[in-house]
Amino acid sequence: MSAGRPSGAGCGSSAGKGGKFSVEALYGFSKKPKTSATAKSGSGKRGGGGKEESALAGQILQAARALMERRRLELYLRECDLTVTECTAEQTAMPYRNLGKSGLRVSCLGLGTWVTFGSQITDEMAESLMTIAYDNGVNLFDTAEVYASGRYATLSPLLHPVGKRSSYVVTTKIYWGGQDSLSRLQLEYVDIVFANRTDINSPMEEVVRAMTFVINHGMAMYWGTSRWSAMEIMEAYSVARQFNLIPPVCEQAEYHYYHRDKVEVQLPELYHKIGVGVMTWSPLAGGLISGKYNDGVPEDSRAAMKGYVWMKDRIFSEEGQKQLAKIKELHPLADRMNCTLSQLAIAWCLRSERVSCVLLGITNTDQLQENLGCIRVLSQLSPQTVAEMDALLGNKPRPKKEALA
C-alpha cells in the first residue's frame, strides 16, 4: 500500500490538492518577513535588515526540521502499511468511557429521543438518525416513559436491524407512572433505568428497594438518578449500603455554558466518594448556544412551535440576550478552530473525563453529522483554549473550599 495522503484531520489539515503540502504547512509561516530595500540591495547598514534575515533563517531552519520529521513519519508508515489518514482517524473516532466507576462502557455521545422521537420528525427520519448514529459509534440511546407521548415503542424496531442487543445501551426514565415500559419498548430489559426526580411521597429506602427489585429480576442492569441533588444521591447510596441494596451508578444532569455548578462542583465530589458518573443533556441549551437564535426565531425552530412559548420568552429575556451576546463573542474562537458553535459547545461539555456521555437532541441528519464532528474539536481543545472560553463566559464556578475562603 502506498503512503496515504493527509486528509482534513490532524497533521494533514493543511494539505492542498492532490495531498501536496502548502507552503504554510511546510515552512510554518504564511509569508516571509519584510526586508528593507537596503538589505535587498546589499548596501547600507545591516541593522534592522540583519535582524529580519536572522529571524527568517531561524524560521526556515525550524520548518526544515519539521519537514524532515514529517517525511520520516511517512516513510515509517509506508513500511508499516499504514497511511497518515488512518493514523489521524483516531482524532475523529468515537471515544468510549466508563459510566462512573461501573464497568459499563458507553459512547461519549448518546442520542436523546425526547426530540428524535417527538413530534418534530417522522419515523423515517428517526430510522435514518438511529442508523447514522450507530454507524458512527454511538451506542447509547436514551428514552423515557413520556417522550413523544409514550410513542417510544418505535425505538426497538429501529434498533433491531442496527446491531445485536449487546452492542448498544438503552436507558429509560420513570416518574409519572407510565405502564408496561418494557412491553412498549419491545425489549426484555433496559441497561439503565433512571428515577426521574425524587418522589417526596416515598421514603428513600422504598425507592432504593424498588430499583434493586427491578435489577434483581432482570428488567435493568443498573439504575441511576435524574435531576437529583447531590445530597439525595448520597442518601440513596447510604441507604443501599445500610440494607445491602444496589446503589445508583449515574446522575443525568443539565449541563452547558450557562448551567455549570452541579456538574463541575457538586458531582465530582460524589464521583470520588461513591463512584457516581455523569450523563448530561441539553449541551446547546435548547438551541440557544448553536447561534440559530442570534437574529431572531426561525420558523422551523423549536422556539417557534406550539407549546414552546416559554423558550421564546427565555430567548428574548434580558438574561437570554446577554447569553446570546456571549455566544456571538465565541464566533471568532470557533472560526479559528475551524468548527461550528455547536461543535465547540459539545466538545466543551466533553472536556472532562468525568462526563461519561453527552446526550444529543437531533431533528435531521445534517444536524447529527455536524454534532458528531465535535469529536475532532475535542482533540484540539487545549487547556489554554478552555481558559480562554472561561474568561469570555465569566461564570466559571468556584470550588467549595475557595468559595468559603
Protein backbone atom coordinates (compact mmCIF):
# COMPACT_ATOMS: atom_id res chain seq x y z
CA MET A 1 0.00 0.00 0.00
CA SER A 2 1.32 3.40 -0.89
CA ALA A 3 1.64 6.12 1.69
CA GLY A 4 -1.69 7.84 2.25
CA ARG A 5 -2.32 11.45 1.60
CA PRO A 6 -3.27 13.58 4.57
CA SER A 7 -6.94 14.35 4.99
CA GLY A 8 -8.65 17.23 6.75
CA ALA A 9 -7.81 15.96 10.23
CA GLY A 10 -4.71 16.07 12.36
CA CYS A 11 -1.38 16.78 10.70
CA GLY A 12 -2.97 16.69 7.26
CA SER A 13 -5.27 19.61 7.85
CA SER A 14 -3.22 21.97 5.69
CA ALA A 15 -2.66 19.64 2.74
CA GLY A 16 -3.61 21.08 -0.61
CA LYS A 17 -4.92 19.49 -3.76
CA GLY A 18 -3.59 16.04 -4.54
CA GLY A 19 -2.34 15.67 -0.97
CA LYS A 20 0.57 18.10 -1.51
CA PHE A 21 1.55 20.29 1.40
CA SER A 22 1.16 24.03 1.07
CA VAL A 23 3.96 26.50 1.71
CA GLU A 24 2.29 27.35 5.00
CA ALA A 25 2.30 23.69 6.08
CA LEU A 26 5.91 23.07 5.02
CA TYR A 27 7.51 26.19 6.36
CA GLY A 28 5.26 27.05 9.29
CA PHE A 29 4.53 30.65 8.33
CA SER A 30 2.23 32.34 5.83
CA LYS A 31 4.67 34.79 4.30
CA LYS A 32 8.25 35.90 4.58
CA PRO A 33 9.11 38.78 6.88
CA LYS A 34 9.53 42.02 5.00
CA THR A 35 13.12 43.04 4.36
CA SER A 36 14.31 46.57 3.87
CA ALA A 37 15.35 47.92 0.49
CA THR A 38 18.92 48.34 1.70
CA ALA A 39 19.04 44.71 2.79
CA LYS A 40 17.81 43.59 -0.65
CA SER A 41 20.39 45.67 -2.49
CA GLY A 42 23.16 44.59 -0.18
CA SER A 43 24.10 48.24 0.56
CA GLY A 44 23.77 50.44 3.59
CA LYS A 45 23.62 49.48 7.24
CA ARG A 46 22.54 45.94 8.16
CA GLY A 47 20.88 46.89 11.48
CA GLY A 48 17.11 46.11 11.10
CA GLY A 49 17.58 44.08 7.91
CA GLY A 50 20.07 41.78 9.64
CA LYS A 51 17.60 41.01 12.41
CA GLU A 52 14.86 40.24 9.91
CA GLU A 53 17.17 37.97 7.91
CA SER A 54 18.17 36.18 11.10
CA ALA A 55 14.51 35.67 12.07
CA LEU A 56 13.73 34.35 8.59
CA ALA A 57 16.67 31.96 8.70
CA GLY A 58 15.52 30.67 12.07
CA GLN A 59 12.02 30.04 10.76
CA ILE A 60 13.32 28.21 7.70
CA LEU A 61 15.59 26.02 9.84
CA GLN A 62 12.75 25.13 12.20
CA ALA A 63 10.39 24.40 9.29
CA ALA A 64 13.04 22.25 7.56
CA ARG A 65 13.40 20.14 10.68
CA ALA A 66 9.63 19.72 10.90
CA LEU A 67 9.52 18.74 7.21
CA MET A 68 12.22 16.11 7.73
CA GLU A 69 10.30 14.62 10.66
CA ARG A 70 7.12 14.55 8.59
CA ARG A 71 8.84 12.76 5.73
CA ARG A 72 10.39 10.27 8.14
CA LEU A 73 6.93 9.61 9.54
CA GLU A 74 5.51 8.98 6.06
CA LEU A 75 8.34 6.55 5.23
CA TYR A 76 7.84 4.72 8.51
CA LEU A 77 4.09 4.46 7.99
CA ARG A 78 4.67 3.15 4.46
CA GLU A 79 6.83 0.37 5.89
CA CYS A 80 4.04 -0.45 8.35
CA ASP A 81 1.47 -0.47 5.53
CA LEU A 82 -0.35 2.49 7.10
CA THR A 83 -1.38 5.94 5.94
CA VAL A 84 -1.41 9.30 7.65
CA THR A 85 -5.18 9.34 7.23
CA GLU A 86 -5.55 6.05 9.10
CA CYS A 87 -3.34 7.26 11.92
CA THR A 88 -5.15 10.57 12.32
CA ALA A 89 -8.55 8.84 12.18
CA GLU A 90 -8.31 8.29 15.93
CA GLN A 91 -8.90 12.02 16.36
CA THR A 92 -12.36 11.67 14.82
CA ALA A 93 -13.23 8.18 16.15
CA MET A 94 -15.89 7.93 18.83
CA PRO A 95 -14.35 7.71 22.33
CA TYR A 96 -15.89 5.37 24.91
CA ARG A 97 -15.92 5.97 28.64
CA ASN A 98 -16.93 4.02 31.72
CA LEU A 99 -20.19 5.13 33.26
CA GLY A 100 -18.84 6.44 36.53
CA LYS A 101 -16.86 3.70 38.23
CA SER A 102 -19.09 0.96 36.83
CA GLY A 103 -17.94 -1.48 34.17
CA LEU A 104 -20.44 -0.22 31.58
CA ARG A 105 -18.71 1.38 28.57
CA VAL A 106 -20.73 3.98 26.72
CA SER A 107 -20.03 6.25 23.76
CA CYS A 108 -19.26 9.79 24.86
CA LEU A 109 -22.19 10.93 22.69
CA GLY A 110 -25.67 9.47 23.08
CA LEU A 111 -28.92 10.03 21.22
CA GLY A 112 -31.69 11.51 23.33
CA THR A 113 -35.09 10.52 21.99
CA TRP A 114 -37.04 13.39 23.59
CA VAL A 115 -36.52 15.19 20.27
CA THR A 116 -35.65 12.30 17.99
CA PHE A 117 -38.97 10.58 18.65
CA GLY A 118 -41.02 13.67 19.26
CA SER A 119 -43.50 15.45 17.03
CA GLN A 120 -40.77 17.29 15.10
CA ILE A 121 -39.74 14.38 12.84
CA THR A 122 -41.14 11.37 11.03
CA ASP A 123 -40.43 7.72 11.81
CA GLU A 124 -38.41 7.50 8.58
CA MET A 125 -36.15 10.34 9.73
CA ALA A 126 -35.84 8.72 13.15
CA GLU A 127 -34.69 5.50 11.50
CA SER A 128 -32.06 7.38 9.47
CA LEU A 129 -30.80 9.14 12.58
CA MET A 130 -30.52 5.90 14.54
CA THR A 131 -28.59 4.21 11.74
CA ILE A 132 -26.19 7.11 11.16
CA ALA A 133 -25.56 7.49 14.89
CA TYR A 134 -24.87 3.78 15.36
CA ASP A 135 -22.63 3.61 12.28
CA ASN A 136 -20.59 6.50 13.73
CA GLY A 137 -20.00 4.75 17.04
CA VAL A 138 -22.94 5.95 19.14
CA ASN A 139 -24.06 3.06 21.34
CA LEU A 140 -26.33 4.80 23.87
CA PHE A 141 -29.98 5.67 23.23
CA ASP A 142 -31.91 7.48 25.95
CA THR A 143 -35.70 7.26 26.34
CA ALA A 144 -38.38 8.00 28.92
CA GLU A 145 -41.95 6.92 29.59
CA VAL A 146 -43.37 10.27 28.48
CA TYR A 147 -41.16 11.07 25.46
CA ALA A 148 -43.27 11.60 22.37
CA SER A 149 -46.39 11.00 24.48
CA GLY A 150 -45.36 7.40 25.11
CA ARG A 151 -44.73 6.68 21.40
CA TYR A 152 -41.21 5.45 22.08
CA ALA A 153 -42.27 1.91 21.22
CA THR A 154 -40.85 2.76 17.80
CA LEU A 155 -37.36 2.57 19.28
CA SER A 156 -36.94 -1.20 19.33
CA PRO A 157 -37.89 -1.93 15.68
CA LEU A 158 -35.34 0.69 14.65
CA LEU A 159 -32.60 -0.77 16.82
CA HIS A 160 -33.02 -4.45 15.99
CA PRO A 161 -31.70 -4.14 12.40
CA VAL A 162 -28.84 -1.91 13.58
CA GLY A 163 -26.94 -4.44 15.68
CA LYS A 164 -27.06 -7.13 18.36
CA ARG A 165 -28.79 -6.18 21.59
CA SER A 166 -25.50 -6.44 23.45
CA SER A 167 -23.92 -3.85 21.13
CA TYR A 168 -26.00 -0.88 22.31
CA VAL A 169 -27.20 0.63 25.57
CA VAL A 170 -30.83 1.63 26.12
CA THR A 171 -31.79 3.83 29.05
CA THR A 172 -35.20 4.94 30.24
CA LYS A 173 -36.58 7.29 32.89
CA ILE A 174 -39.66 6.74 35.02
CA TYR A 175 -41.66 9.06 37.28
CA TRP A 176 -45.16 9.80 36.01
CA GLY A 177 -46.36 6.22 36.18
CA GLY A 178 -46.33 5.03 32.56
CA GLN A 179 -47.42 1.43 32.15
CA ASP A 180 -45.57 -1.54 30.67
CA SER A 181 -42.38 0.31 29.71
CA LEU A 182 -40.53 -2.81 28.55
CA SER A 183 -43.53 -4.01 26.53
CA ARG A 184 -43.82 -0.67 24.74
CA LEU A 185 -40.08 -0.67 24.09
CA GLN A 186 -40.33 -4.29 22.89
CA LEU A 187 -37.25 -5.12 24.94
CA GLU A 188 -36.57 -7.76 27.56
CA TYR A 189 -34.52 -5.34 29.62
CA VAL A 190 -33.02 -1.85 29.63
CA ASP A 191 -29.43 -1.24 30.55
CA ILE A 192 -30.15 1.66 32.90
CA VAL A 193 -33.39 2.80 34.49
CA PHE A 194 -33.38 6.34 35.87
CA ALA A 195 -35.53 7.64 38.70
CA ASN A 196 -36.53 10.95 37.13
CA ARG A 197 -36.79 13.38 40.09
CA THR A 198 -37.18 12.27 43.66
CA ASP A 199 -40.58 11.19 44.99
CA ILE A 200 -41.32 13.31 48.04
CA ASN A 201 -44.14 10.93 49.00
CA SER A 202 -41.88 7.87 49.22
CA PRO A 203 -39.10 7.18 51.76
CA MET A 204 -35.66 6.81 50.19
CA GLU A 205 -35.44 3.21 51.37
CA GLU A 206 -38.53 2.27 49.33
CA VAL A 207 -37.09 3.89 46.19
CA VAL A 208 -33.77 2.05 46.55
CA ARG A 209 -35.53 -1.25 47.29
CA ALA A 210 -37.75 -0.82 44.21
CA MET A 211 -34.73 -0.20 41.97
CA THR A 212 -32.93 -3.18 43.49
CA PHE A 213 -36.01 -5.33 42.78
CA VAL A 214 -36.02 -4.21 39.12
CA ILE A 215 -32.35 -5.15 38.70
CA ASN A 216 -32.61 -8.46 40.60
CA HIS A 217 -35.48 -9.52 38.32
CA GLY A 218 -33.53 -8.83 35.13
CA MET A 219 -35.53 -5.82 33.98
CA ALA A 220 -32.50 -3.50 34.16
CA MET A 221 -28.75 -3.86 34.65
CA TYR A 222 -28.15 -0.59 36.53
CA TRP A 223 -30.14 2.26 37.98
CA GLY A 224 -29.43 5.94 38.13
CA THR A 225 -30.91 9.27 39.09
CA SER A 226 -32.04 12.29 37.10
CA ARG A 227 -32.48 15.81 38.47
CA TRP A 228 -31.49 14.65 41.96
CA SER A 229 -29.46 16.82 44.29
CA ALA A 230 -26.05 15.66 45.48
CA MET A 231 -27.49 15.21 48.99
CA GLU A 232 -30.31 12.98 47.70
CA ILE A 233 -27.88 10.83 45.71
CA MET A 234 -25.66 10.44 48.77
CA GLU A 235 -28.70 9.44 50.86
CA ALA A 236 -29.64 6.75 48.31
CA TYR A 237 -26.07 5.40 48.40
CA SER A 238 -26.06 5.32 52.22
CA VAL A 239 -29.41 3.51 52.33
CA ALA A 240 -28.16 0.96 49.78
CA ARG A 241 -25.05 0.23 51.83
CA GLN A 242 -27.01 0.05 55.09
CA PHE A 243 -29.53 -2.50 53.81
CA ASN A 244 -27.30 -4.38 51.35
CA LEU A 245 -29.15 -2.97 48.34
CA ILE A 246 -27.90 -1.69 44.95
CA PRO A 247 -26.82 1.97 44.79
CA PRO A 248 -27.20 4.29 41.76
CA VAL A 249 -24.31 4.49 39.29
CA CYS A 250 -25.12 7.69 37.39
CA GLU A 251 -26.85 11.05 37.54
CA GLN A 252 -28.42 12.70 34.49
CA ALA A 253 -27.92 16.44 34.71
CA GLU A 254 -28.38 19.52 32.57
CA TYR A 255 -25.01 20.91 31.51
CA HIS A 256 -23.94 23.70 29.18
CA TYR A 257 -22.18 27.09 29.23
CA TYR A 258 -24.85 28.63 31.45
CA HIS A 259 -25.59 25.69 33.77
CA ARG A 260 -22.31 24.59 35.33
CA ASP A 261 -22.31 24.43 39.12
CA LYS A 262 -23.82 20.97 39.64
CA VAL A 263 -21.62 19.11 37.13
CA GLU A 264 -18.41 20.99 37.85
CA VAL A 265 -18.60 21.43 41.64
CA GLN A 266 -21.11 19.06 43.26
CA LEU A 267 -20.94 15.83 41.24
CA PRO A 268 -17.13 15.44 41.05
CA GLU A 269 -17.13 15.02 44.83
CA LEU A 270 -19.70 12.21 44.54
CA TYR A 271 -17.62 10.56 41.82
CA HIS A 272 -14.58 10.41 44.08
CA LYS A 273 -16.55 9.29 47.15
CA ILE A 274 -19.02 6.77 45.75
CA GLY A 275 -18.21 6.42 42.02
CA VAL A 276 -21.35 8.06 40.59
CA GLY A 277 -20.91 9.05 36.93
CA VAL A 278 -22.49 11.88 34.97
CA MET A 279 -24.62 11.76 31.84
CA THR A 280 -25.50 15.26 30.66
CA TRP A 281 -28.25 16.70 28.48
CA SER A 282 -29.05 19.99 26.72
CA PRO A 283 -25.46 20.85 25.68
CA LEU A 284 -26.82 23.61 23.41
CA ALA A 285 -29.34 24.98 25.93
CA GLY A 286 -32.28 24.20 23.66
CA GLY A 287 -30.50 25.62 20.62
CA LEU A 288 -29.57 28.96 22.22
CA ILE A 289 -25.85 28.14 22.10
CA SER A 290 -25.95 26.95 18.47
CA GLY A 291 -26.36 30.51 17.25
CA LYS A 292 -29.67 29.82 15.49
CA TYR A 293 -31.44 32.48 17.58
CA ASN A 294 -28.83 35.21 17.13
CA ASP A 295 -31.03 37.04 14.61
CA GLY A 296 -34.46 36.10 15.90
CA VAL A 297 -36.56 32.92 16.00
CA PRO A 298 -36.52 30.86 12.76
CA GLU A 299 -39.90 29.49 11.71
CA ASP A 300 -38.66 25.88 11.75
CA SER A 301 -37.06 26.13 15.21
CA ARG A 302 -38.38 24.62 18.42
CA ALA A 303 -39.00 28.06 19.94
CA ALA A 304 -41.49 28.76 17.13
CA MET A 305 -43.50 25.59 17.84
CA LYS A 306 -46.75 25.44 19.74
CA GLY A 307 -46.15 24.76 23.41
CA TYR A 308 -42.67 26.32 23.45
CA VAL A 309 -43.64 29.89 24.28
CA TRP A 310 -41.51 29.58 27.42
CA MET A 311 -38.43 29.05 25.25
CA LYS A 312 -39.21 32.08 23.12
CA ASP A 313 -39.72 34.18 26.25
CA ARG A 314 -36.41 32.94 27.61
CA ILE A 315 -34.57 33.92 24.43
CA PHE A 316 -35.93 37.48 24.46
CA SER A 317 -35.49 37.97 28.19
CA GLU A 318 -32.74 40.25 29.46
CA GLU A 319 -30.69 37.26 30.61
CA GLY A 320 -31.25 35.47 27.30
CA GLN A 321 -29.99 38.44 25.32
CA LYS A 322 -26.87 38.64 27.49
CA GLN A 323 -26.21 34.95 26.83
CA LEU A 324 -26.68 35.42 23.09
CA ALA A 325 -24.15 38.26 23.18
CA LYS A 326 -21.60 35.90 24.76
CA ILE A 327 -22.26 33.32 22.06
CA LYS A 328 -21.52 35.91 19.39
CA GLU A 329 -18.20 36.59 21.11
CA LEU A 330 -17.33 32.90 20.76
CA HIS A 331 -17.64 33.07 16.96
CA PRO A 332 -14.00 34.10 16.34
CA LEU A 333 -12.76 31.23 18.50
CA ALA A 334 -14.93 28.73 16.62
CA ASP A 335 -13.69 30.12 13.29
CA ARG A 336 -10.11 29.81 14.49
CA MET A 337 -10.69 26.13 15.34
CA ASN A 338 -12.49 25.56 12.04
CA CYS A 339 -15.67 24.35 13.73
CA THR A 340 -19.25 25.44 14.37
CA LEU A 341 -20.56 26.91 17.60
CA SER A 342 -22.47 23.67 18.26
CA GLN A 343 -19.38 21.51 17.83
CA LEU A 344 -17.38 23.76 20.14
CA ALA A 345 -20.09 23.69 22.82
CA ILE A 346 -20.48 19.90 22.81
CA ALA A 347 -16.71 19.36 22.85
CA TRP A 348 -16.54 21.76 25.80
CA CYS A 349 -19.05 19.59 27.69
CA LEU A 350 -16.90 16.51 27.00
CA ARG A 351 -13.61 18.10 28.07
CA SER A 352 -13.86 16.45 31.49
CA GLU A 353 -13.39 12.67 31.63
CA ARG A 354 -15.90 12.60 34.50
CA VAL A 355 -18.68 13.34 31.99
CA SER A 356 -19.38 9.85 30.71
CA CYS A 357 -21.82 10.82 27.96
CA VAL A 358 -23.47 13.89 26.44
CA LEU A 359 -26.99 13.34 25.11
CA LEU A 360 -27.86 14.99 21.80
CA GLY A 361 -31.30 16.15 20.68
CA ILE A 362 -31.41 15.76 16.89
CA THR A 363 -34.07 16.55 14.30
CA ASN A 364 -32.29 15.94 10.97
CA THR A 365 -29.28 14.15 9.50
CA ASP A 366 -27.32 17.33 8.78
CA GLN A 367 -27.57 18.35 12.41
CA LEU A 368 -26.44 14.90 13.52
CA GLN A 369 -23.41 14.90 11.23
CA GLU A 370 -22.49 18.37 12.44
CA ASN A 371 -22.74 17.39 16.10
CA LEU A 372 -20.71 14.22 15.55
CA GLY A 373 -17.95 16.50 14.30
CA CYS A 374 -17.38 17.66 17.88
CA ILE A 375 -15.07 14.65 18.38
CA ARG A 376 -12.48 16.26 16.12
CA VAL A 377 -12.80 19.52 18.04
CA LEU A 378 -12.41 17.69 21.36
CA SER A 379 -8.91 16.56 20.36
CA GLN A 380 -7.99 20.22 19.75
CA LEU A 381 -9.49 21.63 22.93
CA SER A 382 -6.36 22.57 24.89
CA PRO A 383 -6.32 23.87 28.48
CA GLN A 384 -5.39 27.28 27.06
CA THR A 385 -8.48 27.29 24.84
CA VAL A 386 -10.72 26.25 27.75
CA ALA A 387 -9.23 29.03 29.88
CA GLU A 388 -9.93 31.50 27.07
CA MET A 389 -13.55 30.35 26.93
CA ASP A 390 -13.92 30.59 30.71
CA ALA A 391 -12.58 34.14 30.65
CA LEU A 392 -15.05 35.09 27.92
CA LEU A 393 -18.05 33.44 29.62
CA GLY A 394 -17.07 34.83 33.01
CA ASN A 395 -19.08 32.27 35.00
CA LYS A 396 -16.67 29.51 35.97
CA PRO A 397 -17.88 28.05 39.30
CA ARG A 398 -15.50 28.22 42.24
CA PRO A 399 -14.73 25.05 44.22
CA LYS A 400 -16.44 24.85 47.62
CA LYS A 401 -13.27 25.47 49.62
CA GLU A 402 -12.39 28.51 47.52
CA ALA A 403 -15.95 29.85 47.77
CA LEU A 404 -15.88 29.60 51.57
CA ALA A 405 -12.49 31.28 51.85
